[in-house]
């Protein structure tokens, strides 16, 4: 077994030895999921034939006893485990989301019981502080000297507030310019705790923003095009999605093409080539594009000028543009090389 894993295992078993009654050991083990899934107060109460409130009272009393024992150094195995956790937290910004810290300590993707084991140790360790999971925050652990749960949450809230006021995703460097931390990694660690934030391609934004948390195919297409900053063929968009960091990226080329057709954010500018409407591209046939160009001109335009303007918004052959210019119902030839509206 890995050395860190062995030390943490000994710290957990050493802590449980402090609890004398088997019933109380079982309550703690089940509440933290030390040997399986975490259980609710109701589930444990039903199993022990006691009320939910009684389970809560017992849990609180047990943790207080463990905290006192830790402060009085009555759990010898705890010191080594605490040292490991503090060392790893120091490397990532003095605070971390529980899952991130656990994976770093073990050096691999950890199981649920391994994560909760670390959380259990941190709950009563004098050198550590915990942030409980709720609708706004992920479960997290920090170095006690860095601040308690209230301080950590306030720092997370400050980052959320800055991103909200910016109204668009921000890089860590941009956030660093507005905050006072020793390193951008500290901001990253805090931002990771918030359930209101998401990150993608080194950008941080609100979890409800498609740019950092695309939830459907259309949003993923938008993110790809916006990041590439140039028109793309739908097959290339499908390839980029499959190679991306998106949570769900198993999409078919046909599905991509279908979504491109439906969404007004995407404009077909050539054979299978799409661009964002935000870039100035407009929907319409080549004839309609030529018509809009001539409508904006105060004088007839040469063939070369018309071709140049059309190619700015469409990826088509020059001959296609010239063929459309021959539509006498729409366009009138003024001289050998100039055109105006019919």
Protein backbone atom coordinates (compact mmCIF):
# COMPACT_ATOMS: atom_id res chain seq x y z
CA UNK A 1 0.00 0.00 0.00
CA UNK A 2 1.15 3.53 -0.75
CA UNK A 3 2.82 5.27 2.21
CA UNK A 4 0.32 8.15 2.33
CA UNK A 5 -2.60 5.72 2.17
CA UNK A 6 -1.12 3.67 5.02
CA UNK A 7 -0.62 6.75 7.21
CA UNK A 8 -4.17 7.96 6.59
CA UNK A 9 -5.58 4.50 7.30
CA UNK A 10 -3.75 4.38 10.63
CA UNK A 11 -5.01 7.88 11.52
CA UNK A 12 -8.60 6.82 10.88
CA UNK A 13 -8.32 3.58 12.89
CA UNK A 14 -6.46 5.39 15.67
CA UNK A 15 -9.20 7.99 15.86
CA UNK A 16 -11.92 5.35 15.99
CA UNK A 17 -10.16 3.70 18.97
CA UNK A 18 -10.92 6.82 21.00
CA UNK A 19 -14.63 6.05 20.58
CA UNK A 20 -15.37 3.40 23.20
CA UNK A 21 -18.94 2.38 22.41
CA UNK A 22 -19.48 0.23 19.35
CA UNK A 23 -22.78 1.95 18.58
CA UNK A 24 -21.04 5.33 18.45
CA UNK A 25 -18.30 3.93 16.21
CA UNK A 26 -20.95 2.63 13.87
CA UNK A 27 -22.72 6.01 13.77
CA UNK A 28 -19.50 7.82 12.80
CA UNK A 29 -18.46 5.17 10.31
CA UNK A 30 -21.84 5.24 8.58
CA UNK A 31 -22.21 9.04 8.67
CA UNK A 32 -18.82 9.57 7.03
CA UNK A 33 -18.99 6.51 4.78
CA UNK A 34 -15.70 5.14 6.09
CA UNK A 35 -16.56 1.58 5.07
CA UNK A 36 -19.15 2.17 2.37
CA UNK A 37 -21.76 4.72 1.32
CA UNK A 38 -22.49 7.73 3.52
CA UNK A 39 -25.80 7.34 5.32
CA UNK A 40 -28.32 9.94 6.42
CA UNK A 41 -29.43 10.59 9.99
CA UNK A 42 -32.76 8.96 9.14
CA UNK A 43 -31.15 5.78 7.79
CA UNK A 44 -28.91 5.36 10.83
CA UNK A 45 -31.80 6.16 13.19
CA UNK A 46 -33.95 3.46 11.63
CA UNK A 47 -31.11 0.94 11.84
CA UNK A 48 -30.47 1.71 15.55
CA UNK A 49 -34.16 2.30 16.42
CA UNK A 50 -33.51 5.85 17.61
CA UNK A 51 -34.68 9.24 16.33
CA UNK A 52 -32.94 11.31 13.68
CA UNK A 53 -32.32 14.04 16.27
CA UNK A 54 -30.71 11.58 18.66
CA UNK A 55 -28.32 10.43 15.93
CA UNK A 56 -27.40 14.07 15.26
CA UNK A 57 -26.75 14.69 18.97
CA UNK A 58 -24.56 11.61 19.28
CA UNK A 59 -22.59 12.51 16.16
CA UNK A 60 -21.92 16.01 17.44
CA UNK A 61 -20.84 14.73 20.88
CA UNK A 62 -18.48 12.15 19.33
CA UNK A 63 -16.80 14.73 17.10
CA UNK A 64 -16.33 17.09 20.05
CA UNK A 65 -14.62 14.28 21.98
CA UNK A 66 -12.39 13.53 19.00
CA UNK A 67 -11.52 17.22 18.67
CA UNK A 68 -10.53 17.42 22.34
CA UNK A 69 -8.49 14.23 22.02
CA UNK A 70 -6.71 15.68 18.96
CA UNK A 71 -5.92 18.94 20.80
CA UNK A 72 -4.51 16.97 23.73
CA UNK A 73 -2.42 14.80 21.36
CA UNK A 74 -4.22 11.61 22.44
CA UNK A 75 -4.33 10.32 18.85
CA UNK A 76 -0.63 9.72 18.00
CA UNK A 77 -1.38 8.53 14.44
CA UNK A 78 -3.11 11.83 13.62
CA UNK A 79 0.01 14.04 13.49
CA UNK A 80 1.55 12.27 10.49
CA UNK A 81 -1.74 12.33 8.55
CA UNK A 82 -2.27 16.01 9.32
CA UNK A 83 1.28 16.77 8.12
CA UNK A 84 0.60 15.05 4.79
CA UNK A 85 -2.63 16.96 4.23
CA UNK A 86 -1.13 20.34 5.16
CA UNK A 87 1.88 19.75 2.89
CA UNK A 88 -0.38 18.99 -0.07
CA UNK A 89 -2.68 21.92 0.69
CA UNK A 90 0.32 24.25 0.80
CA UNK A 91 1.24 23.17 -2.73
CA UNK A 92 -2.22 23.91 -4.20
CA UNK A 93 -3.14 27.17 -2.51
CA UNK A 94 -3.74 26.33 1.18
CA UNK A 95 -7.32 25.21 0.51
CA UNK A 96 -8.79 22.65 -1.89
CA UNK A 97 -11.95 20.90 -2.95
CA UNK A 98 -12.05 17.56 -1.15
CA UNK A 99 -11.94 15.46 -4.32
CA UNK A 100 -8.95 17.43 -5.68
CA UNK A 101 -7.03 17.11 -2.42
CA UNK A 102 -7.75 13.38 -2.11
CA UNK A 103 -6.59 12.68 -5.69
CA UNK A 104 -3.41 14.67 -5.07
CA UNK A 105 -2.62 12.93 -1.78
CA UNK A 106 -3.19 9.44 -3.19
CA UNK A 107 -1.69 10.29 -6.60
CA UNK A 108 -4.68 8.81 -8.45
CA UNK A 109 -8.45 8.98 -8.77
CA UNK A 110 -9.76 8.14 -5.32
CA UNK A 111 -12.78 6.19 -4.13
CA UNK A 112 -15.66 7.75 -2.19
CA UNK A 113 -14.48 6.14 1.07
CA UNK A 114 -10.94 7.46 0.58
CA UNK A 115 -12.30 10.98 0.13
CA UNK A 116 -14.56 10.77 3.16
CA UNK A 117 -11.70 9.32 5.20
CA UNK A 118 -9.69 12.49 4.62
CA UNK A 119 -12.75 14.62 5.39
CA UNK A 120 -13.27 12.67 8.63
CA UNK A 121 -9.68 13.34 9.76
CA UNK A 122 -9.92 17.04 8.87
CA UNK A 123 -13.21 17.44 10.79
CA UNK A 124 -11.49 17.26 14.18
CA UNK A 125 -7.83 17.92 13.28
CA UNK A 126 -6.58 21.10 14.98
CA UNK A 127 -4.45 22.11 11.99
CA UNK A 128 -7.23 21.81 9.42
CA UNK A 129 -10.64 23.32 8.73
CA UNK A 130 -13.51 21.97 6.64
CA UNK A 131 -16.12 23.57 4.41
CA UNK A 132 -19.34 21.56 4.41
CA UNK A 133 -20.98 20.81 1.09
CA UNK A 134 -24.24 22.59 0.27
CA UNK A 135 -25.95 24.08 -2.80
CA UNK A 136 -23.26 26.76 -3.18
CA UNK A 137 -20.04 25.05 -2.10
CA UNK A 138 -18.28 21.74 -2.69
CA UNK A 139 -16.86 19.94 0.34
CA UNK A 140 -13.41 21.41 0.92
CA UNK A 141 -10.48 21.37 3.34
CA UNK A 142 -8.15 24.21 4.23
CA UNK A 143 -5.21 24.93 6.51
CA UNK A 144 -6.64 26.27 9.78
CA UNK A 145 -4.14 29.16 9.89
CA UNK A 146 -5.49 30.31 6.53
CA UNK A 147 -8.97 30.85 7.94
CA UNK A 148 -12.04 29.04 9.18
CA UNK A 149 -14.99 27.91 7.07
CA UNK A 150 -16.62 31.35 7.17
CA UNK A 151 -13.44 33.07 5.92
CA UNK A 152 -12.93 30.56 3.11
CA UNK A 153 -16.54 30.88 1.93
CA UNK A 154 -16.29 34.69 1.96
CA UNK A 155 -13.19 34.50 -0.25
CA UNK A 156 -14.99 32.17 -2.64
CA UNK A 157 -17.98 34.55 -2.71
CA UNK A 158 -15.66 37.45 -3.57
CA UNK A 159 -14.41 35.62 -6.67
CA UNK A 160 -17.98 34.79 -7.73
CA UNK A 161 -18.97 38.44 -7.32
CA UNK A 162 -16.09 39.66 -9.52
CA UNK A 163 -16.95 37.19 -12.30
CA UNK A 164 -20.63 38.13 -12.11
CA UNK A 165 -19.84 41.83 -12.41
CA UNK A 166 -17.52 41.14 -15.37
CA UNK A 167 -20.46 39.44 -17.17
CA UNK A 168 -18.13 37.17 -19.12
CA UNK A 169 -15.58 34.43 -18.33
CA UNK A 170 -12.19 35.47 -16.96
CA UNK A 171 -8.70 33.97 -16.90
CA UNK A 172 -6.88 33.43 -13.61
CA UNK A 173 -4.51 36.27 -14.53
CA UNK A 174 -7.46 38.62 -15.02
CA UNK A 175 -8.86 37.59 -11.64
CA UNK A 176 -5.41 37.97 -10.10
CA UNK A 177 -5.31 41.61 -11.26
CA UNK A 178 -8.46 42.31 -9.25
CA UNK A 179 -7.53 40.32 -6.14
CA UNK A 180 -4.67 40.28 -3.65
CA UNK A 181 -3.24 36.76 -3.50
CA UNK A 182 0.32 35.46 -3.59
CA UNK A 183 -0.30 33.35 -6.69
CA UNK A 184 -3.14 32.69 -9.19
CA UNK A 185 -3.18 29.07 -7.95
CA UNK A 186 -4.71 30.33 -4.70
CA UNK A 187 -7.56 31.86 -6.71
CA UNK A 188 -7.97 28.62 -8.68
CA UNK A 189 -8.20 26.61 -5.44
CA UNK A 190 -10.88 28.90 -4.02
CA UNK A 191 -12.85 29.10 -7.27
CA UNK A 192 -12.91 25.28 -7.46
CA UNK A 193 -14.85 25.17 -4.20
CA UNK A 194 -17.79 27.13 -5.63
CA UNK A 195 -20.65 25.21 -7.22
CA UNK A 196 -21.71 28.47 -8.86
CA UNK A 197 -18.57 28.53 -11.03
CA UNK A 198 -17.24 26.35 -13.84
CA UNK A 199 -14.04 26.34 -15.85
CA UNK A 200 -13.17 25.42 -19.42
CA UNK A 201 -10.11 26.17 -21.57
CA UNK A 202 -8.47 28.15 -18.72
CA UNK A 203 -11.50 30.42 -18.38
CA UNK A 204 -13.64 30.77 -15.24
CA UNK A 205 -17.28 31.78 -15.37
CA UNK A 206 -20.69 31.15 -13.88
CA UNK A 207 -21.82 27.53 -14.13
CA UNK A 208 -24.91 28.66 -16.04
CA UNK A 209 -22.78 30.22 -18.80
CA UNK A 210 -22.46 27.94 -21.88
CA UNK A 211 -18.96 29.31 -22.59
CA UNK A 212 -17.54 27.44 -19.58
CA UNK A 213 -20.21 24.82 -18.97
CA UNK A 214 -21.86 23.81 -22.26
CA UNK A 215 -24.67 21.37 -21.56
CA UNK A 216 -25.98 20.62 -25.06
CA UNK A 217 -24.52 20.10 -28.54
CA UNK A 218 -25.34 23.62 -29.71
CA UNK A 219 -23.47 25.22 -26.82
CA UNK A 220 -20.48 22.97 -27.43
CA UNK A 221 -20.43 23.99 -31.10
CA UNK A 222 -20.53 27.63 -30.03
CA UNK A 223 -17.60 27.15 -27.63
CA UNK A 224 -15.52 25.42 -30.33
CA UNK A 225 -16.15 28.12 -32.94
CA UNK A 226 -15.57 30.93 -30.46
CA UNK A 227 -12.28 29.41 -29.28
CA UNK A 228 -11.04 28.77 -32.85
CA UNK A 229 -12.15 32.27 -33.94
CA UNK A 230 -12.60 31.18 -37.55
CA UNK A 231 -15.24 29.44 -39.72
CA UNK A 232 -15.10 25.62 -39.67
CA UNK A 233 -16.54 22.68 -41.59
CA UNK A 234 -19.13 20.76 -39.56
CA UNK A 235 -17.01 17.57 -39.69
CA UNK A 236 -14.06 19.46 -38.18
CA UNK A 237 -16.33 20.83 -35.44
CA UNK A 238 -17.38 17.26 -34.60
CA UNK A 239 -13.73 16.21 -34.42
CA UNK A 240 -12.86 19.11 -32.09
CA UNK A 241 -15.74 18.23 -29.75
CA UNK A 242 -14.57 14.61 -29.52
CA UNK A 243 -11.04 15.79 -28.64
CA UNK A 244 -12.23 18.44 -26.16
CA UNK A 245 -12.47 18.55 -22.36
CA UNK A 246 -16.27 18.51 -22.44
CA UNK A 247 -17.97 16.09 -20.04
CA UNK A 248 -20.03 14.53 -22.81
CA UNK A 249 -18.32 14.52 -26.18
CA UNK A 250 -19.52 11.40 -28.00
CA UNK A 251 -21.42 13.09 -30.83
CA UNK A 252 -22.08 12.15 -34.46
CA UNK A 253 -21.29 14.36 -37.45
CA UNK A 254 -24.95 14.25 -38.46
CA UNK A 255 -26.04 15.49 -35.02
CA UNK A 256 -23.61 18.39 -35.30
CA UNK A 257 -24.91 19.30 -38.75
CA UNK A 258 -28.54 19.16 -37.59
CA UNK A 259 -27.86 21.52 -34.66
CA UNK A 260 -25.93 23.96 -36.86
CA UNK A 261 -28.93 24.29 -39.14
CA UNK A 262 -31.39 24.94 -36.29
CA UNK A 263 -29.49 27.61 -34.33
CA UNK A 264 -29.46 31.26 -35.48
CA UNK A 265 -26.03 31.74 -33.87
CA UNK A 266 -24.50 29.72 -36.73
CA UNK A 267 -24.35 30.88 -40.34
CA UNK A 268 -23.64 28.65 -43.35
CA UNK A 269 -21.04 30.53 -45.39
CA UNK A 270 -19.89 27.83 -47.75
CA UNK A 271 -20.18 24.12 -48.51
CA UNK A 272 -20.57 22.72 -44.98
CA UNK A 273 -18.63 25.65 -43.51
CA UNK A 274 -20.18 27.55 -40.61
CA UNK A 275 -19.36 30.79 -38.81
CA UNK A 276 -20.83 32.69 -35.87
CA UNK A 277 -23.40 35.38 -36.61
CA UNK A 278 -21.64 37.46 -33.95
CA UNK A 279 -18.72 37.80 -36.37
CA UNK A 280 -20.89 39.83 -38.75
CA UNK A 281 -22.04 37.03 -41.03
CA UNK A 282 -25.65 37.19 -42.29
CA UNK A 283 -28.00 34.47 -43.48
CA UNK A 284 -29.13 34.45 -47.10
CA UNK A 285 -28.31 33.31 -50.61
CA UNK A 286 -25.41 34.76 -52.61
CA UNK A 287 -27.91 36.88 -54.55
CA UNK A 288 -29.34 38.24 -51.29
CA UNK A 289 -25.83 39.05 -50.03
CA UNK A 290 -25.00 40.92 -53.26
CA UNK A 291 -28.30 42.79 -53.02
CA UNK A 292 -27.59 43.91 -49.44
CA UNK A 293 -24.10 45.07 -50.47
CA UNK A 294 -25.44 47.14 -53.38
CA UNK A 295 -28.21 48.60 -51.18
CA UNK A 296 -25.57 50.01 -48.86
CA UNK A 297 -23.56 51.51 -51.72
CA UNK A 298 -24.30 55.06 -52.87
CA UNK A 299 -22.99 54.29 -56.37
CA UNK A 300 -22.66 51.32 -58.74
CA UNK A 301 -19.91 48.85 -57.81
CA UNK A 302 -17.42 47.00 -59.96
CA UNK A 303 -17.38 43.24 -60.21
CA UNK A 304 -14.12 43.13 -58.27
CA UNK A 305 -15.56 45.25 -55.44
CA UNK A 306 -18.68 43.09 -55.21
CA UNK A 307 -16.65 39.86 -55.19
CA UNK A 308 -14.37 41.23 -52.50
CA UNK A 309 -17.31 42.20 -50.26
CA UNK A 310 -19.12 38.87 -50.74
CA UNK A 311 -15.98 36.86 -49.91
CA UNK A 312 -15.80 38.63 -46.56
CA UNK A 313 -19.01 36.89 -45.49
CA UNK A 314 -19.11 33.77 -47.66
CA UNK A 315 -16.58 31.08 -48.55
CA UNK A 316 -17.59 30.41 -52.17
CA UNK A 317 -15.90 30.40 -55.54
CA UNK A 318 -15.58 33.70 -57.38
CA UNK A 319 -17.40 32.19 -60.36
CA UNK A 320 -20.44 31.49 -58.13
CA UNK A 321 -20.66 35.19 -57.25
CA UNK A 322 -20.31 36.24 -60.89
CA UNK A 323 -23.04 33.82 -61.98
CA UNK A 324 -25.43 35.30 -59.40
CA UNK A 325 -24.66 38.77 -60.72
CA UNK A 326 -26.24 37.73 -64.03
CA UNK A 327 -29.70 37.72 -62.41
CA UNK A 328 -31.29 40.57 -64.41
CA UNK A 329 -34.34 40.66 -62.15
CA UNK A 330 -32.14 41.76 -59.27
CA UNK A 331 -29.05 43.41 -60.79
CA UNK A 332 -28.51 45.84 -63.63
CA UNK A 333 -25.25 46.20 -65.53
CA UNK A 334 -24.36 49.89 -65.72
CA UNK A 335 -21.30 49.57 -67.93
CA UNK A 336 -18.82 46.87 -68.92
CA UNK A 337 -17.68 46.27 -65.32
CA UNK A 338 -20.18 47.92 -62.92
CA UNK A 339 -23.48 46.84 -61.40
CA UNK A 340 -26.36 48.35 -59.45
CA UNK A 341 -29.77 47.14 -58.32
CA UNK A 342 -32.34 46.50 -61.04
